[in-house]
Amino acid sequence: MMDTDLPGTPPEITAIANQASTALLPVKSFTIYENTYQKFMEWRHQNNIHSFSENVILTYLSELSKNFKSSTLWSSYSMLKSTLSVKQNINIGEYPKVRAYLKRKNEGYSPKKSRVLEKEQILKFIKEAPDETFLLAKVSCYK
């Protein structure tokens, strides 16, 4: 039952509303969002925390920052923001200290750029690499 349920709301209406609100999360990445939410809820339970205050979210992200880079913190924050909004009717987007913390963590961070092969490098590979080892890779270059 969500916090916004009013007394006198029939249970079947509440059930339909809860099911409809779950559809607000992205379909393709629903399991990732759900896993992020479950990890947060488990962390709250392990630490005997009962609120969703700004300090709670800030502490959780601070603990995540020990193992993850700022880009992962931002995506975790975004997923938590969506799932907490849908499941708990809580908007952590209004927590200024959390956003300031994430921005501070992002300072000086530069994402790793993927190397892209040039056309000449691909042609050289196709011509010079031994077919016995790389035939499948060569064929896939043509598709």
Protein backbone atom coordinates (compact mmCIF):
# COMPACT_ATOMS: atom_id res chain seq x y z
CA MET A 1 0.00 0.00 0.00
CA MET A 2 1.36 3.42 -0.92
CA ASP A 3 1.45 6.44 1.34
CA THR A 4 -1.00 8.30 -0.89
CA ASP A 5 -3.83 5.81 -0.40
CA LEU A 6 -6.72 7.54 1.30
CA PRO A 7 -8.99 5.82 3.78
CA GLY A 8 -12.06 4.52 2.02
CA THR A 9 -10.29 3.71 -1.26
CA PRO A 10 -11.51 0.26 -2.31
CA PRO A 11 -8.73 -2.39 -2.34
CA GLU A 12 -9.35 -3.25 -6.00
CA ILE A 13 -8.83 0.41 -6.99
CA THR A 14 -5.61 0.52 -4.95
CA ALA A 15 -4.38 -2.68 -6.62
CA ILE A 16 -5.10 -1.35 -10.13
CA ALA A 17 -3.43 1.97 -9.33
CA ASN A 18 -0.33 0.22 -7.93
CA GLN A 19 -0.11 -1.97 -11.04
CA ALA A 20 -0.50 1.04 -13.34
CA SER A 21 2.19 2.99 -11.48
CA THR A 22 4.66 0.12 -11.96
CA ALA A 23 4.27 0.66 -15.71
CA LEU A 24 5.81 4.13 -15.24
CA LEU A 25 9.27 2.55 -15.00
CA PRO A 26 11.15 1.82 -18.26
CA VAL A 27 10.18 -1.58 -19.67
CA LYS A 28 13.57 -2.54 -21.13
CA SER A 29 15.54 -1.79 -17.97
CA PHE A 30 12.84 -2.60 -15.41
CA THR A 31 14.93 -5.36 -13.79
CA ILE A 32 17.92 -3.04 -13.39
CA TYR A 33 15.72 -0.40 -11.75
CA GLU A 34 14.15 -3.03 -9.52
CA ASN A 35 17.56 -4.44 -8.49
CA THR A 36 18.84 -0.97 -7.63
CA TYR A 37 15.73 -0.33 -5.54
CA GLN A 38 16.00 -3.70 -3.78
CA LYS A 39 19.69 -3.12 -2.92
CA PHE A 40 18.80 0.24 -1.42
CA MET A 41 15.92 -1.24 0.57
CA GLU A 42 18.17 -4.07 1.84
CA TRP A 43 20.81 -1.50 2.87
CA ARG A 44 18.13 0.43 4.78
CA HIS A 45 16.99 -2.75 6.51
CA GLN A 46 20.55 -3.80 7.42
CA ASN A 47 21.21 -0.37 8.92
CA ASN A 48 17.85 -0.25 10.70
CA ILE A 49 16.79 2.87 8.78
CA HIS A 50 13.09 3.63 8.46
CA SER A 51 13.06 6.92 6.55
CA PHE A 52 13.91 8.18 3.08
CA SER A 53 15.40 11.46 4.27
CA GLU A 54 18.00 13.46 2.40
CA ASN A 55 20.68 12.32 4.85
CA VAL A 56 19.75 8.67 4.27
CA ILE A 57 20.07 9.02 0.49
CA LEU A 58 23.29 11.00 0.87
CA THR A 59 24.81 8.35 3.15
CA TYR A 60 23.80 5.55 0.79
CA LEU A 61 25.38 7.27 -2.22
CA SER A 62 28.46 8.06 -0.15
CA GLU A 63 28.87 4.38 0.64
CA LEU A 64 28.38 3.48 -3.02
CA SER A 65 31.08 5.99 -3.97
CA LYS A 66 33.67 3.84 -2.19
CA ASN A 67 33.32 1.23 -4.94
CA PHE A 68 31.85 3.05 -7.93
CA LYS A 69 32.66 6.04 -10.15
CA SER A 70 30.52 9.15 -10.37
CA SER A 71 28.76 8.00 -13.54
CA THR A 72 27.47 4.94 -11.67
CA LEU A 73 26.41 7.12 -8.75
CA TRP A 74 24.39 9.32 -11.11
CA SER A 75 22.66 6.34 -12.72
CA SER A 76 21.92 4.80 -9.30
CA TYR A 77 20.50 8.12 -8.15
CA SER A 78 18.35 8.39 -11.27
CA MET A 79 16.99 4.86 -10.89
CA LEU A 80 16.31 5.39 -7.18
CA LYS A 81 14.59 8.68 -7.94
CA SER A 82 12.22 6.93 -10.35
CA THR A 83 11.53 3.85 -8.24
CA LEU A 84 11.08 5.77 -4.98
CA SER A 85 8.69 8.11 -6.74
CA VAL A 86 6.60 5.22 -8.06
CA LYS A 87 6.78 2.86 -5.08
CA GLN A 88 6.99 5.23 -2.10
CA ASN A 89 5.69 8.53 -3.52
CA ILE A 90 8.94 10.24 -2.50
CA ASN A 91 10.75 12.77 -4.69
CA ILE A 92 14.46 12.66 -3.91
CA GLY A 93 14.99 15.07 -6.81
CA GLU A 94 14.13 17.81 -4.31
CA TYR A 95 17.13 16.99 -2.09
CA PRO A 96 19.69 19.75 -2.82
CA LYS A 97 22.52 18.22 -0.75
CA VAL A 98 22.29 14.98 -2.75
CA ARG A 99 22.55 16.76 -6.10
CA ALA A 100 25.40 18.94 -4.81
CA TYR A 101 27.21 15.82 -3.60
CA LEU A 102 26.84 14.12 -6.98
CA LYS A 103 28.06 17.22 -8.81
CA ARG A 104 31.07 17.44 -6.49
CA LYS A 105 31.88 13.77 -7.11
CA ASN A 106 31.67 14.41 -10.85
CA GLU A 107 34.33 17.16 -10.77
CA GLY A 108 37.49 16.06 -12.52
CA TYR A 109 35.90 12.86 -13.79
CA SER A 110 36.55 12.15 -17.44
CA PRO A 111 34.89 9.12 -18.97
CA LYS A 112 37.06 6.63 -20.80
CA LYS A 113 36.64 6.98 -24.53
CA SER A 114 36.29 3.86 -26.60
CA ARG A 115 38.86 3.44 -29.29
CA VAL A 116 37.41 3.23 -32.77
CA LEU A 117 39.21 1.50 -35.60
CA GLU A 118 39.87 3.56 -38.69
CA LYS A 119 38.90 2.24 -42.12
CA GLU A 120 42.58 1.66 -42.99
CA GLN A 121 43.10 -0.44 -39.86
CA ILE A 122 40.11 -2.64 -40.71
CA LEU A 123 41.32 -3.15 -44.28
CA LYS A 124 44.82 -4.01 -43.04
CA PHE A 125 43.34 -6.58 -40.64
CA ILE A 126 41.27 -8.17 -43.41
CA LYS A 127 44.28 -8.39 -45.76
CA GLU A 128 47.01 -9.42 -43.31
CA ALA A 129 45.46 -11.43 -40.47
CA PRO A 130 45.72 -15.23 -40.94
CA ASP A 131 42.48 -16.80 -42.16
CA GLU A 132 43.01 -19.91 -39.98
CA THR A 133 42.55 -17.80 -36.85
CA PHE A 134 40.48 -14.80 -37.89
CA LEU A 135 38.23 -15.98 -40.74
CA LEU A 136 35.02 -15.53 -38.74
CA ALA A 137 36.07 -12.03 -37.63
CA LYS A 138 36.96 -11.11 -41.21
CA VAL A 139 33.59 -12.28 -42.51
CA SER A 140 31.78 -10.28 -39.82
CA CYS A 141 33.63 -7.13 -40.96
CA TYR A 142 31.79 -7.30 -44.27
CA LYS A 143 28.30 -7.32 -42.74
